[in-house]
Amino acid sequence: MSSAAAVEKYTVADEATDVVRDVIGRIFMPVVVYDHQQVPALVNTITDAILSKIVHSRLPRKYIVNCTIVQRNGAGLHTLAACSWNADVDGSYVYKAENKGMICIVTVFGVTM
């Protein structure tokens, strides 16, 4: 078996899963009431916290973090992101969290340099 085949592929999901879950658990989940004036600060805090942790990952990648928070009121939400990249080494990870008053969707894109 070649050494290249023995190397385990390390994906963006491998890098982002624990980081995103930790940040969402600490910052988003305790806030259970939707407040339109507080949501921009909440989005910034979540995005900055995820990005500051994930840049210390195993592989040199450029990371893009997107965070969407909507009020949980029964309204529909459809979102899509599209990229042109190298599917062998680049990737994305999506995480959705809900609490009593809000829904939070975080997408992390990792693109090799």
PDB file of N, CA and C in Angstrom:
ATOM      1  N   MET A   1       0.852  -1.176   0.000  1.00  0.00           N
ATOM      2  CA  MET A   1       0.000   0.000   0.000  1.00  0.00           C
ATOM      3  C   MET A   1       0.887   1.225   0.000  1.00  0.00           C
ATOM      4  N   SER A   2       0.560   2.181  -0.865  1.00  0.00           N
ATOM      5  CA  SER A   2       1.370   3.390  -0.958  1.00  0.00           C
ATOM      6  C   SER A   2       1.130   4.277   0.252  1.00  0.00           C
ATOM      7  N   SER A   3       2.106   5.149   0.519  1.00  0.00           N
ATOM      8  CA  SER A   3       1.975   6.054   1.664  1.00  0.00           C
ATOM      9  C   SER A   3       0.849   7.052   1.460  1.00  0.00           C
ATOM     10  N   ALA A   4       0.570   7.415   0.204  1.00  0.00           N
ATOM     11  CA  ALA A   4      -0.524   8.346  -0.072  1.00  0.00           C
ATOM     12  C   ALA A   4      -1.863   7.712   0.276  1.00  0.00           C
ATOM     13  N   ALA A   5      -2.007   6.416   0.011  1.00  0.00           N
ATOM     14  CA  ALA A   5      -3.254   5.727   0.325  1.00  0.00           C
ATOM     15  C   ALA A   5      -3.420   5.551   1.830  1.00  0.00           C
ATOM     16  N   ALA A   6      -2.299   5.508   2.547  1.00  0.00           N
ATOM     17  CA  ALA A   6      -2.356   5.317   3.995  1.00  0.00           C
ATOM     18  C   ALA A   6      -2.726   6.600   4.731  1.00  0.00           C
ATOM     19  N   VAL A   7      -2.590   7.742   4.080  1.00  0.00           N
ATOM     20  CA  VAL A   7      -2.920   9.016   4.708  1.00  0.00           C
ATOM     21  C   VAL A   7      -4.433   9.176   4.737  1.00  0.00           C
ATOM     22  N   GLU A   8      -4.955   9.394   5.924  1.00  0.00           N
ATOM     23  CA  GLU A   8      -6.397   9.565   6.072  1.00  0.00           C
ATOM     24  C   GLU A   8      -6.804  10.956   5.606  1.00  0.00           C
ATOM     25  N   LYS A   9      -7.890  11.022   4.850  1.00  0.00           N
ATOM     26  CA  LYS A   9      -8.394  12.310   4.370  1.00  0.00           C
ATOM     27  C   LYS A   9      -9.001  13.068   5.550  1.00  0.00           C
ATOM     28  N   TYR A  10      -8.587  14.293   5.736  1.00  0.00           N
ATOM     29  CA  TYR A  10      -9.070  15.131   6.832  1.00  0.00           C
ATOM     30  C   TYR A  10      -9.938  16.213   6.224  1.00  0.00           C
ATOM     31  N   THR A  11     -11.236  16.183   6.488  1.00  0.00           N
ATOM     32  CA  THR A  11     -12.187  17.052   5.798  1.00  0.00           C
ATOM     33  C   THR A  11     -12.511  18.305   6.604  1.00  0.00           C
ATOM     34  N   VAL A  12     -13.217  19.218   5.951  1.00  0.00           N
ATOM     35  CA  VAL A  12     -13.688  20.428   6.624  1.00  0.00           C
ATOM     36  C   VAL A  12     -14.641  20.047   7.754  1.00  0.00           C
ATOM     37  N   ALA A  13     -15.473  19.041   7.532  1.00  0.00           N
ATOM     38  CA  ALA A  13     -16.383  18.588   8.596  1.00  0.00           C
ATOM     39  C   ALA A  13     -15.601  18.092   9.803  1.00  0.00           C
ATOM     40  N   ASP A  14     -14.485  17.381   9.572  1.00  0.00           N
ATOM     41  CA  ASP A  14     -13.641  16.932  10.678  1.00  0.00           C
ATOM     42  C   ASP A  14     -13.123  18.115  11.480  1.00  0.00           C
ATOM     43  N   GLU A  15     -12.763  19.167  10.787  1.00  0.00           N
ATOM     44  CA  GLU A  15     -12.221  20.363  11.429  1.00  0.00           C
ATOM     45  C   GLU A  15     -13.296  21.168  12.148  1.00  0.00           C
ATOM     46  N   ALA A  16     -14.487  21.256  11.540  1.00  0.00           N
ATOM     47  CA  ALA A  16     -15.485  22.215  12.010  1.00  0.00           C
ATOM     48  C   ALA A  16     -16.491  21.666  13.022  1.00  0.00           C
ATOM     49  N   THR A  17     -16.765  20.385  12.999  1.00  0.00           N
ATOM     50  CA  THR A  17     -17.853  19.837  13.807  1.00  0.00           C
ATOM     51  C   THR A  17     -17.766  20.219  15.282  1.00  0.00           C
ATOM     52  N   ASP A  18     -16.677  19.885  15.932  1.00  0.00           N
ATOM     53  CA  ASP A  18     -16.551  20.170  17.365  1.00  0.00           C
ATOM     54  C   ASP A  18     -16.518  21.663  17.651  1.00  0.00           C
ATOM     55  N   VAL A  19     -15.847  22.415  16.804  1.00  0.00           N
ATOM     56  CA  VAL A  19     -15.751  23.865  16.995  1.00  0.00           C
ATOM     57  C   VAL A  19     -17.134  24.503  16.917  1.00  0.00           C
ATOM     58  N   VAL A  20     -17.877  24.191  15.881  1.00  0.00           N
ATOM     59  CA  VAL A  20     -19.198  24.795  15.693  1.00  0.00           C
ATOM     60  C   VAL A  20     -20.143  24.387  16.818  1.00  0.00           C
ATOM     61  N   ARG A  21     -20.164  23.121  17.158  1.00  0.00           N
ATOM     62  CA  ARG A  21     -21.047  22.659  18.243  1.00  0.00           C
ATOM     63  C   ARG A  21     -20.718  23.334  19.566  1.00  0.00           C
ATOM     64  N   ASP A  22     -19.444  23.496  19.859  1.00  0.00           N
ATOM     65  CA  ASP A  22     -19.036  24.157  21.097  1.00  0.00           C
ATOM     66  C   ASP A  22     -19.495  25.615  21.116  1.00  0.00           C
ATOM     67  N   VAL A  23     -19.223  26.333  20.042  1.00  0.00           N
ATOM     68  CA  VAL A  23     -19.576  27.753  19.976  1.00  0.00           C
ATOM     69  C   VAL A  23     -21.094  27.934  20.040  1.00  0.00           C
ATOM     70  N   ILE A  24     -21.836  27.155  19.275  1.00  0.00           N
ATOM     71  CA  ILE A  24     -23.299  27.262  19.288  1.00  0.00           C
ATOM     72  C   ILE A  24     -23.848  26.912  20.668  1.00  0.00           C
ATOM     73  N   GLY A  25     -23.295  25.905  21.284  1.00  0.00           N
ATOM     74  CA  GLY A  25     -23.745  25.524  22.623  1.00  0.00           C
ATOM     75  C   GLY A  25     -23.515  26.604  23.668  1.00  0.00           C
ATOM     76  N   ARG A  26     -22.410  27.315  23.549  1.00  0.00           N
ATOM     77  CA  ARG A  26     -22.083  28.359  24.527  1.00  0.00           C
ATOM     78  C   ARG A  26     -22.759  29.688  24.239  1.00  0.00           C
ATOM     79  N   ILE A  27     -22.888  30.051  22.957  1.00  0.00           N
ATOM     80  CA  ILE A  27     -23.340  31.399  22.614  1.00  0.00           C
ATOM     81  C   ILE A  27     -24.806  31.441  22.185  1.00  0.00           C
ATOM     82  N   PHE A  28     -25.233  30.514  21.342  1.00  0.00           N
ATOM     83  CA  PHE A  28     -26.589  30.578  20.796  1.00  0.00           C
ATOM     84  C   PHE A  28     -27.642  29.932  21.689  1.00  0.00           C
ATOM     85  N   MET A  29     -27.387  28.730  22.171  1.00  0.00           N
ATOM     86  CA  MET A  29     -28.415  27.966  22.871  1.00  0.00           C
ATOM     87  C   MET A  29     -28.970  28.657  24.122  1.00  0.00           C
ATOM     88  N   PRO A  30     -28.168  29.377  24.899  1.00  0.00           N
ATOM     89  CA  PRO A  30     -28.737  30.029  26.089  1.00  0.00           C
ATOM     90  C   PRO A  30     -29.686  31.188  25.774  1.00  0.00           C
ATOM     91  N   VAL A  31     -29.617  31.759  24.577  1.00  0.00           N
ATOM     92  CA  VAL A  31     -30.463  32.896  24.212  1.00  0.00           C
ATOM     93  C   VAL A  31     -31.730  32.333  23.570  1.00  0.00           C
ATOM     94  N   VAL A  32     -32.861  32.363  24.279  1.00  0.00           N
ATOM     95  CA  VAL A  32     -34.055  31.681  23.784  1.00  0.00           C
ATOM     96  C   VAL A  32     -35.141  32.630  23.269  1.00  0.00           C
ATOM     97  N   VAL A  33     -34.930  33.926  23.375  1.00  0.00           N
ATOM     98  CA  VAL A  33     -35.911  34.898  22.893  1.00  0.00           C
ATOM     99  C   VAL A  33     -35.309  35.668  21.726  1.00  0.00           C
ATOM    100  N   TYR A  34     -36.053  35.717  20.618  1.00  0.00           N
ATOM    101  CA  TYR A  34     -35.591  36.458  19.448  1.00  0.00           C
ATOM    102  C   TYR A  34     -35.735  37.953  19.711  1.00  0.00           C
ATOM    103  N   ASP A  35     -34.643  38.680  19.576  1.00  0.00           N
ATOM    104  CA  ASP A  35     -34.645  40.137  19.724  1.00  0.00           C
ATOM    105  C   ASP A  35     -33.945  40.707  18.496  1.00  0.00           C
ATOM    106  N   HIS A  36     -34.717  41.313  17.615  1.00  0.00           N
ATOM    107  CA  HIS A  36     -34.195  41.809  16.342  1.00  0.00           C
ATOM    108  C   HIS A  36     -32.969  42.700  16.518  1.00  0.00           C
ATOM    109  N   GLN A  37     -32.923  43.487  17.572  1.00  0.00           N
ATOM    110  CA  GLN A  37     -31.794  44.390  17.796  1.00  0.00           C
ATOM    111  C   GLN A  37     -30.544  43.657  18.281  1.00  0.00           C
ATOM    112  N   GLN A  38     -30.700  42.501  18.894  1.00  0.00           N
ATOM    113  CA  GLN A  38     -29.553  41.750  19.411  1.00  0.00           C
ATOM    114  C   GLN A  38     -28.993  40.724  18.434  1.00  0.00           C
ATOM    115  N   VAL A  39     -29.772  40.364  17.418  1.00  0.00           N
ATOM    116  CA  VAL A  39     -29.339  39.314  16.488  1.00  0.00           C
ATOM    117  C   VAL A  39     -28.057  39.674  15.729  1.00  0.00           C
ATOM    118  N   PRO A  40     -27.862  40.903  15.224  1.00  0.00           N
ATOM    119  CA  PRO A  40     -26.594  41.198  14.541  1.00  0.00           C
ATOM    120  C   PRO A  40     -25.366  40.954  15.427  1.00  0.00           C
ATOM    121  N   ALA A  41     -25.439  41.326  16.689  1.00  0.00           N
ATOM    122  CA  ALA A  41     -24.313  41.087  17.604  1.00  0.00           C
ATOM    123  C   ALA A  41     -24.129  39.593  17.851  1.00  0.00           C
ATOM    124  N   LEU A  42     -25.216  38.858  17.957  1.00  0.00           N
ATOM    125  CA  LEU A  42     -25.148  37.414  18.157  1.00  0.00           C
ATOM    126  C   LEU A  42     -24.503  36.726  16.962  1.00  0.00           C
ATOM    127  N   VAL A  43     -24.901  37.126  15.752  1.00  0.00           N
ATOM    128  CA  VAL A  43     -24.303  36.571  14.524  1.00  0.00           C
ATOM    129  C   VAL A  43     -22.810  36.878  14.473  1.00  0.00           C
ATOM    130  N   ASN A  44     -22.423  38.111  14.779  1.00  0.00           N
ATOM    131  CA  ASN A  44     -21.003  38.485  14.780  1.00  0.00           C
ATOM    132  C   ASN A  44     -20.215  37.683  15.797  1.00  0.00           C
ATOM    133  N   THR A  45     -20.749  37.529  16.991  1.00  0.00           N
ATOM    134  CA  THR A  45     -20.054  36.797  18.043  1.00  0.00           C
ATOM    135  C   THR A  45     -19.854  35.332  17.656  1.00  0.00           C
ATOM    136  N   ILE A  46     -20.892  34.712  17.122  1.00  0.00           N
ATOM    137  CA  ILE A  46     -20.796  33.309  16.699  1.00  0.00           C
ATOM    138  C   ILE A  46     -19.774  33.158  15.580  1.00  0.00           C
ATOM    139  N   THR A  47     -19.879  33.985  14.556  1.00  0.00           N
ATOM    140  CA  THR A  47     -18.975  33.906  13.407  1.00  0.00           C
ATOM    141  C   THR A  47     -17.527  34.122  13.823  1.00  0.00           C
ATOM    142  N   ASP A  48     -17.273  35.156  14.622  1.00  0.00           N
ATOM    143  CA  ASP A  48     -15.908  35.446  15.069  1.00  0.00           C
ATOM    144  C   ASP A  48     -15.344  34.322  15.932  1.00  0.00           C
ATOM    145  N   ALA A  49     -16.168  33.755  16.813  1.00  0.00           N
ATOM    146  CA  ALA A  49     -15.692  32.682  17.697  1.00  0.00           C
ATOM    147  C   ALA A  49     -15.330  31.435  16.904  1.00  0.00           C
ATOM    148  N   ILE A  50     -16.159  31.079  15.930  1.00  0.00           N
ATOM    149  CA  ILE A  50     -15.861  29.909  15.104  1.00  0.00           C
ATOM    150  C   ILE A  50     -14.597  30.140  14.288  1.00  0.00           C
ATOM    151  N   LEU A  51     -14.513  31.282  13.643  1.00  0.00           N
ATOM    152  CA  LEU A  51     -13.351  31.568  12.799  1.00  0.00           C
ATOM    153  C   LEU A  51     -12.059  31.623  13.610  1.00  0.00           C
ATOM    154  N   SER A  52     -12.100  32.215  14.791  1.00  0.00           N
ATOM    155  CA  SER A  52     -10.873  32.325  15.590  1.00  0.00           C
ATOM    156  C   SER A  52     -10.374  30.961  16.053  1.00  0.00           C
ATOM    157  N   LYS A  53     -11.275  30.001  16.234  1.00  0.00           N
ATOM    158  CA  LYS A  53     -10.853  28.652  16.637  1.00  0.00           C
ATOM    159  C   LYS A  53     -10.427  27.798  15.454  1.00  0.00           C
ATOM    160  N   ILE A  54     -11.137  27.916  14.341  1.00  0.00           N
ATOM    161  CA  ILE A  54     -10.891  27.005  13.225  1.00  0.00           C
ATOM    162  C   ILE A  54      -9.634  27.354  12.432  1.00  0.00           C
ATOM    163  N   VAL A  55      -9.151  28.570  12.540  1.00  0.00           N
ATOM    164  CA  VAL A  55      -7.933  28.923  11.804  1.00  0.00           C
ATOM    165  C   VAL A  55      -6.708  28.193  12.352  1.00  0.00           C
ATOM    166  N   HIS A  56      -6.828  27.589  13.507  1.00  0.00           N
ATOM    167  CA  HIS A  56      -5.727  26.820  14.100  1.00  0.00           C
ATOM    168  C   HIS A  56      -5.858  25.333  13.780  1.00  0.00           C
ATOM    169  N   SER A  57      -6.457  25.023  12.653  1.00  0.00           N
ATOM    170  CA  SER A  57      -6.709  23.640  12.280  1.00  0.00           C
ATOM    171  C   SER A  57      -5.457  22.959  11.755  1.00  0.00           C
ATOM    172  N   ARG A  58      -5.610  21.676  11.444  1.00  0.00           N
ATOM    173  CA  ARG A  58      -4.476  20.852  11.000  1.00  0.00           C
ATOM    174  C   ARG A  58      -3.958  21.201   9.609  1.00  0.00           C
ATOM    175  N   LEU A  59      -4.862  21.616   8.733  1.00  0.00           N
ATOM    176  CA  LEU A  59      -4.468  21.858   7.354  1.00  0.00           C
ATOM    177  C   LEU A  59      -4.545  23.338   7.006  1.00  0.00           C
ATOM    178  N   PRO A  60      -3.620  23.807   6.174  1.00  0.00           N
ATOM    179  CA  PRO A  60      -3.670  25.219   5.771  1.00  0.00           C
ATOM    180  C   PRO A  60      -4.802  25.443   4.766  1.00  0.00           C
ATOM    181  N   ARG A  61      -5.852  26.067   5.244  1.00  0.00           N
ATOM    182  CA  ARG A  61      -6.999  26.379   4.395  1.00  0.00           C
ATOM    183  C   ARG A  61      -7.434  27.805   4.661  1.00  0.00           C
ATOM    184  N   LYS A  62      -8.131  28.368   3.706  1.00  0.00           N
ATOM    185  CA  LYS A  62      -8.843  29.621   3.931  1.00  0.00           C
ATOM    186  C   LYS A  62     -10.247  29.214   4.361  1.00  0.00           C
ATOM    187  N   TYR A  63     -10.740  29.837   5.414  1.00  0.00           N
ATOM    188  CA  TYR A  63     -12.063  29.502   5.917  1.00  0.00           C
ATOM    189  C   TYR A  63     -13.022  30.665   5.753  1.00  0.00           C
ATOM    190  N   ILE A  64     -14.244  30.334   5.385  1.00  0.00           N
ATOM    191  CA  ILE A  64     -15.329  31.296   5.284  1.00  0.00           C
ATOM    192  C   ILE A  64     -16.436  30.769   6.186  1.00  0.00           C
ATOM    193  N   VAL A  65     -16.914  31.600   7.109  1.00  0.00           N
ATOM    194  CA  VAL A  65     -17.966  31.193   8.023  1.00  0.00           C
ATOM    195  C   VAL A  65     -19.188  32.071   7.787  1.00  0.00           C
ATOM    196  N   ASN A  66     -20.325  31.440   7.566  1.00  0.00           N
ATOM    197  CA  ASN A  66     -21.587  32.149   7.381  1.00  0.00           C
ATOM    198  C   ASN A  66     -22.543  31.719   8.485  1.00  0.00           C
ATOM    199  N   CYS A  67     -23.210  32.673   9.104  1.00  0.00           N
ATOM    200  CA  CYS A  67     -24.165  32.379  10.163  1.00  0.00           C
ATOM    201  C   CYS A  67     -25.472  33.103   9.857  1.00  0.00           C
ATOM    202  N   THR A  68     -26.566  32.356   9.879  1.00  0.00           N
ATOM    203  CA  THR A  68     -27.895  32.917   9.664  1.00  0.00           C
ATOM    204  C   THR A  68     -28.744  32.591  10.882  1.00  0.00           C
ATOM    205  N   ILE A  69     -29.393  33.608  11.428  1.00  0.00           N
ATOM    206  CA  ILE A  69     -30.311  33.405  12.542  1.00  0.00           C
ATOM    207  C   ILE A  69     -31.666  33.973  12.138  1.00  0.00           C
ATOM    208  N   VAL A  70     -32.702  33.159  12.301  1.00  0.00           N
ATOM    209  CA  VAL A  70     -34.062  33.592  12.003  1.00  0.00           C
ATOM    210  C   VAL A  70     -34.950  33.311  13.203  1.00  0.00           C
ATOM    211  N   GLN A  71     -35.986  34.104  13.306  1.00  0.00           N
ATOM    212  CA  GLN A  71     -36.961  33.899  14.369  1.00  0.00           C
ATOM    213  C   GLN A  71     -37.736  32.621  14.085  1.00  0.00           C
ATOM    214  N   ARG A  72     -37.962  31.870  15.120  1.00  0.00           N
ATOM    215  CA  ARG A  72     -38.715  30.622  14.968  1.00  0.00           C
ATOM    216  C   ARG A  72     -40.199  30.962  15.101  1.00  0.00           C
ATOM    217  N   ASN A  73     -40.834  31.174  13.938  1.00  0.00           N
ATOM    218  CA  ASN A  73     -42.235  31.576  13.945  1.00  0.00           C
ATOM    219  C   ASN A  73     -43.053  30.861  12.874  1.00  0.00           C
ATOM    220  N   GLY A  74     -42.510  29.810  12.305  1.00  0.00           N
ATOM    221  CA  GLY A  74     -43.240  29.048  11.309  1.00  0.00           C
ATOM    222  C   GLY A  74     -43.028  29.502   9.881  1.00  0.00           C
ATOM    223  N   ALA A  75     -42.323  30.594   9.685  1.00  0.00           N
ATOM    224  CA  ALA A  75     -42.056  31.075   8.326  1.00  0.00           C
ATOM    225  C   ALA A  75     -41.026  30.170   7.655  1.00  0.00           C
ATOM    226  N   GLY A  76     -41.091  30.069   6.360  1.00  0.00           N
ATOM    227  CA  GLY A  76     -40.150  29.247   5.615  1.00  0.00           C
ATOM    228  C   GLY A  76     -38.830  29.963   5.389  1.00  0.00           C
ATOM    229  N   LEU A  77     -37.787  29.184   5.204  1.00  0.00           N
ATOM    230  CA  LEU A  77     -36.469  29.730   4.880  1.00  0.00           C
ATOM    231  C   LEU A  77     -35.790  28.772   3.916  1.00  0.00           C
ATOM    232  N   HIS A  78     -35.343  29.307   2.808  1.00  0.00           N
ATOM    233  CA  HIS A  78     -34.591  28.519   1.832  1.00  0.00           C
ATOM    234  C   HIS A  78     -33.293  29.256   1.570  1.00  0.00           C
ATOM    235  N   THR A  79     -32.202  28.532   1.599  1.00  0.00           N
ATOM    236  CA  THR A  79     -30.906  29.144   1.375  1.00  0.00           C
ATOM    237  C   THR A  79     -30.041  28.193   0.552  1.00  0.00           C
ATOM    238  N   LEU A  80     -29.112  28.754  -0.192  1.00  0.00           N
ATOM    239  CA  LEU A  80     -28.227  27.958  -1.024  1.00  0.00           C
ATOM    240  C   LEU A  80     -26.901  28.680  -1.153  1.00  0.00           C
ATOM    241  N   ALA A  81     -25.834  27.930  -1.137  1.00  0.00           N
ATOM    242  CA  ALA A  81     -24.510  28.474  -1.415  1.00  0.00           C
ATOM    243  C   ALA A  81     -23.876  27.586  -2.474  1.00  0.00           C
ATOM    244  N   ALA A  82     -23.201  28.191  -3.424  1.00  0.00           N
ATOM    245  CA  ALA A  82     -22.538  27.431  -4.480  1.00  0.00           C
ATOM    246  C   ALA A  82     -21.112  27.928  -4.632  1.00  0.00           C
ATOM    247  N   CYS A  83     -20.205  27.004  -4.860  1.00  0.00           N
ATOM    248  CA  CYS A  83     -18.792  27.352  -4.998  1.00  0.00           C
ATOM    249  C   CYS A  83     -18.178  26.529  -6.121  1.00  0.00           C
ATOM    250  N   SER A  84     -17.106  27.048  -6.660  1.00  0.00           N
ATOM    251  CA  SER A  84     -16.303  26.303  -7.610  1.00  0.00           C
ATOM    252  C   SER A  84     -14.990  26.004  -6.916  1.00  0.00           C
ATOM    253  N   TRP A  85     -14.707  24.719  -6.676  1.00  0.00           N
ATOM    254  CA  TRP A  85     -13.509  24.361  -5.937  1.00  0.00           C
ATOM    255  C   TRP A  85     -13.018  22.978  -6.316  1.00  0.00           C
ATOM    256  N   ASN A  86     -11.972  22.560  -5.677  1.00  0.00           N
ATOM    257  CA  ASN A  86     -11.414  21.233  -5.885  1.00  0.00           C
ATOM    258  C   ASN A  86     -12.063  20.296  -4.872  1.00  0.00           C
ATOM    259  N   ALA A  87     -12.962  19.455  -5.329  1.00  0.00           N
ATOM    260  CA  ALA A  87     -13.728  18.581  -4.435  1.00  0.00           C
ATOM    261  C   ALA A  87     -12.854  17.579  -3.683  1.00  0.00           C
ATOM    262  N   ASP A  88     -11.621  17.351  -4.145  1.00  0.00           N
ATOM    263  CA  ASP A  88     -10.735  16.412  -3.457  1.00  0.00           C
ATOM    264  C   ASP A  88     -10.168  16.984  -2.159  1.00  0.00           C
ATOM    265  N   VAL A  89     -10.031  18.311  -2.070  1.00  0.00           N
ATOM    266  CA  VAL A  89      -9.395  18.902  -0.895  1.00  0.00           C
ATOM    267  C   VAL A  89     -10.196  20.032  -0.247  1.00  0.00           C
ATOM    268  N   ASP A  90     -11.162  20.597  -0.955  1.00  0.00           N
ATOM    269  CA  ASP A  90     -11.983  21.670  -0.412  1.00  0.00           C
ATOM    270  C   ASP A  90     -13.321  21.091   0.039  1.00  0.00           C
ATOM    271  N   GLY A  91     -14.027  21.832   0.868  1.00  0.00           N
ATOM    272  CA  GLY A  91     -15.315  21.324   1.306  1.00  0.00           C
ATOM    273  C   GLY A  91     -16.076  22.312   2.157  1.00  0.00           C
ATOM    274  N   SER A  92     -17.218  21.842   2.644  1.00  0.00           N
ATOM    275  CA  SER A  92     -18.053  22.678   3.494  1.00  0.00           C
ATOM    276  C   SER A  92     -18.708  21.820   4.567  1.00  0.00           C
ATOM    277  N   TYR A  93     -19.200  22.500   5.593  1.00  0.00           N
ATOM    278  CA  TYR A  93     -19.884  21.847   6.702  1.00  0.00           C
ATOM    279  C   TYR A  93     -21.051  22.736   7.107  1.00  0.00           C
ATOM    280  N   VAL A  94     -22.224  22.154   7.276  1.00  0.00           N
ATOM    281  CA  VAL A  94     -23.417  22.905   7.663  1.00  0.00           C
ATOM    282  C   VAL A  94     -23.937  22.346   8.982  1.00  0.00           C
ATOM    283  N   TYR A  95     -24.282  23.256   9.893  1.00  0.00           N
ATOM    284  CA  TYR A  95     -24.817  22.867  11.200  1.00  0.00           C
ATOM    285  C   TYR A  95     -26.058  23.697  11.489  1.00  0.00           C
ATOM    286  N   LYS A  96     -27.106  23.037  11.929  1.00  0.00           N
ATOM    287  CA  LYS A  96     -28.362  23.721  12.256  1.00  0.00           C
ATOM    288  C   LYS A  96     -28.674  23.486  13.722  1.00  0.00           C
ATOM    289  N   ALA A  97     -29.004  24.568  14.424  1.00  0.00           N
ATOM    290  CA  ALA A  97     -29.400  24.486  15.827  1.00  0.00           C
ATOM    291  C   ALA A  97     -30.695  25.248  16.020  1.00  0.00           C
ATOM    292  N   GLU A  98     -31.526  24.727  16.892  1.00  0.00           N
ATOM    293  CA  GLU A  98     -32.793  25.388  17.193  1.00  0.00           C
ATOM    294  C   GLU A  98     -32.962  25.498  18.698  1.00  0.00           C
ATOM    295  N   ASN A  99     -33.539  26.599  19.122  1.00  0.00           N
ATOM    296  CA  ASN A  99     -33.960  26.718  20.504  1.00  0.00           C
ATOM    297  C   ASN A  99     -35.414  27.204  20.493  1.00  0.00           C
ATOM    298  N   LYS A 100     -35.927  27.587  21.609  1.00  0.00           N
ATOM    299  CA  LYS A 100     -37.342  27.953  21.715  1.00  0.00           C
ATOM    300  C   LYS A 100     -37.747  29.103  20.786  1.00  0.00           C
ATOM    301  N   GLY A 101     -36.863  30.072  20.575  1.00  0.00           N
ATOM    302  CA  GLY A 101     -37.242  31.259  19.822  1.00  0.00           C
ATOM    303  C   GLY A 101     -36.555  31.457  18.490  1.00  0.00           C
ATOM    304  N   MET A 102     -35.482  30.693  18.197  1.00  0.00           N
ATOM    305  CA  MET A 102     -34.702  30.976  16.995  1.00  0.00           C
ATOM    306  C   MET A 102     -34.158  29.701  16.352  1.00  0.00           C
ATOM    307  N   ILE A 103     -33.776  29.862  15.107  1.00  0.00           N
ATOM    308  CA  ILE A 103     -33.067  28.829  14.363  1.00  0.00           C
ATOM    309  C   ILE A 103     -31.757  29.442  13.893  1.00  0.00           C
ATOM    310  N   CYS A 104     -30.667  28.695  14.048  1.00  0.00           N
ATOM    311  CA  CYS A 104     -29.347  29.162  13.638  1.00  0.00           C
ATOM    312  C   CYS A 104     -28.755  28.150  12.666  1.00  0.00           C
ATOM    313  N   ILE A 105     -28.318  28.641  11.523  1.00  0.00           N
ATOM    314  CA  ILE A 105     -27.657  27.795  10.531  1.00  0.00           C
ATOM    315  C   ILE A 105     -26.263  28.351  10.291  1.00  0.00           C
ATOM    316  N   VAL A 106     -25.270  27.505  10.505  1.00  0.00           N
ATOM    317  CA  VAL A 106     -23.866  27.895  10.313  1.00  0.00           C
ATOM    318  C   VAL A 106     -23.292  27.068   9.172  1.00  0.00           C
ATOM    319  N   THR A 107     -22.646  27.732   8.235  1.00  0.00           N
ATOM    320  CA  THR A 107     -21.941  27.052   7.155  1.00  0.00           C
ATOM    321  C   THR A 107     -20.488  27.458   7.204  1.00  0.00           C
ATOM    322  N   VAL A 108     -19.600  26.463   7.172  1.00  0.00           N
ATOM    323  CA  VAL A 108     -18.152  26.697   7.153  1.00  0.00           C
ATOM    324  C   VAL A 108     -17.623  26.149   5.837  1.00  0.00           C
ATOM    325  N   PHE A 109     -16.962  27.002   5.079  1.00  0.00           N
ATOM    326  CA  PHE A 109     -16.307  26.595   3.842  1.00  0.00           C
ATOM    327  C   PHE A 109     -14.815  26.558   4.095  1.00  0.00           C
ATOM    328  N   GLY A 110     -14.152  25.513   3.643  1.00  0.00           N
ATOM    329  CA  GLY A 110     -12.702  25.407   3.732  1.00  0.00           C
ATOM    330  C   GLY A 110     -12.116  25.224   2.349  1.00  0.00           C
ATOM    331  N   VAL A 111     -11.242  26.149   1.956  1.00  0.00           N
ATOM    332  CA  VAL A 111     -10.660  26.127   0.620  1.00  0.00           C
ATOM    333  C   VAL A 111      -9.141  26.087   0.768  1.00  0.00           C
ATOM    334  N   THR A 112      -8.500  25.131   0.118  1.00  0.00           N
ATOM    335  CA  THR A 112      -7.054  25.008   0.209  1.00  0.00           C
ATOM    336  C   THR A 112      -6.374  26.204  -0.438  1.00  0.00           C
ATOM    337  N   MET A 113      -5.190  26.497   0.070  1.00  0.00           N
ATOM    338  CA  MET A 113      -4.436  27.647  -0.449  1.00  0.00           C
ATOM    339  C   MET A 113      -3.519  27.219  -1.556  1.00  0.00           C
TER     340      MET A 113
END
